[in-house]
Amino acid sequence: MSILMDVSNYGGMNFPVSATVVYVVGFIAAVTFGSLAWYNSKRPVGWEDKERPDVVPEVKKEETPGL
């Protein structure tokens, strides 16, 4: 029984808090930028006549001269 108590008190592998923060911030950034890219892309079938949400900025496509 004392072996089980010793195992339960063993710290084991502690995942660093900084790594968790990097994963969370990265996930939030990926969702944000992915949503902006999706809203600014060509509309999927059935969404052509829907309006763009006010919080999503419209990105203008640059024209390259000479091409």
Protein backbone atom coordinates (compact mmCIF):
# COMPACT_ATOMS: atom_id res chain seq x y z
CA MET A 1 0.00 0.00 0.00
CA SER A 2 2.85 2.39 0.70
CA ILE A 3 4.07 1.90 -2.89
CA LEU A 4 0.77 3.27 -4.23
CA MET A 5 1.03 6.27 -1.95
CA ASP A 6 4.56 6.95 -3.16
CA VAL A 7 3.49 6.73 -6.81
CA SER A 8 0.60 9.13 -6.25
CA ASN A 9 2.95 11.69 -4.68
CA TYR A 10 5.44 11.44 -7.54
CA GLY A 11 5.34 14.65 -9.57
CA GLY A 12 5.94 12.92 -12.86
CA MET A 13 6.08 14.98 -16.02
CA ASN A 14 4.90 18.54 -15.53
CA PHE A 15 4.01 20.27 -18.78
CA PRO A 16 5.38 23.83 -18.69
CA VAL A 17 2.81 26.58 -18.42
CA SER A 18 4.61 28.59 -21.11
CA ALA A 19 4.12 25.78 -23.64
CA THR A 20 0.42 25.66 -22.82
CA VAL A 21 0.15 29.42 -23.32
CA VAL A 22 1.89 29.13 -26.71
CA TYR A 23 -0.56 26.41 -27.80
CA VAL A 24 -3.60 28.39 -26.66
CA VAL A 25 -2.45 31.65 -28.25
CA GLY A 26 -1.51 29.82 -31.45
CA PHE A 27 -4.90 28.14 -31.64
CA ILE A 28 -6.71 31.45 -31.14
CA ALA A 29 -4.54 33.11 -33.81
CA ALA A 30 -5.14 30.24 -36.26
CA VAL A 31 -8.90 30.43 -35.77
CA THR A 32 -8.89 34.23 -36.12
CA PHE A 33 -6.75 34.37 -39.27
CA GLY A 34 -8.51 31.37 -40.77
CA SER A 35 -11.89 33.00 -40.23
CA LEU A 36 -10.70 36.25 -41.81
CA ALA A 37 -9.30 34.36 -44.79
CA TRP A 38 -12.49 32.37 -45.19
CA TYR A 39 -14.72 35.44 -45.06
CA ASN A 40 -12.52 37.23 -47.61
CA SER A 41 -12.40 34.28 -49.99
CA LYS A 42 -14.90 33.39 -52.69
CA ARG A 43 -18.27 32.65 -51.18
CA PRO A 44 -19.31 29.00 -50.98
CA VAL A 45 -22.42 27.86 -52.82
CA GLY A 46 -25.50 29.34 -51.16
CA TRP A 47 -23.57 32.16 -49.46
CA GLU A 48 -23.11 34.43 -52.49
CA ASP A 49 -25.88 36.86 -51.50
CA LYS A 50 -25.05 37.01 -47.78
CA GLU A 51 -23.52 40.17 -46.34
CA ARG A 52 -20.08 40.28 -44.79
CA PRO A 53 -20.08 40.75 -40.98
CA ASP A 54 -19.09 44.25 -39.84
CA VAL A 55 -16.17 42.98 -37.77
CA VAL A 56 -14.46 41.41 -40.81
CA PRO A 57 -12.37 43.90 -42.81
CA GLU A 58 -12.55 43.71 -46.59
CA VAL A 59 -9.20 42.94 -48.20
CA LYS A 60 -8.71 44.37 -51.68
CA LYS A 61 -6.80 42.31 -54.24
CA GLU A 62 -3.74 44.11 -55.62
CA GLU A 63 -3.25 44.16 -59.36
CA THR A 64 0.28 43.59 -60.55
CA PRO A 65 1.27 45.76 -63.51
CA GLY A 66 2.62 44.04 -66.60
CA LEU A 67 1.16 40.60 -65.95
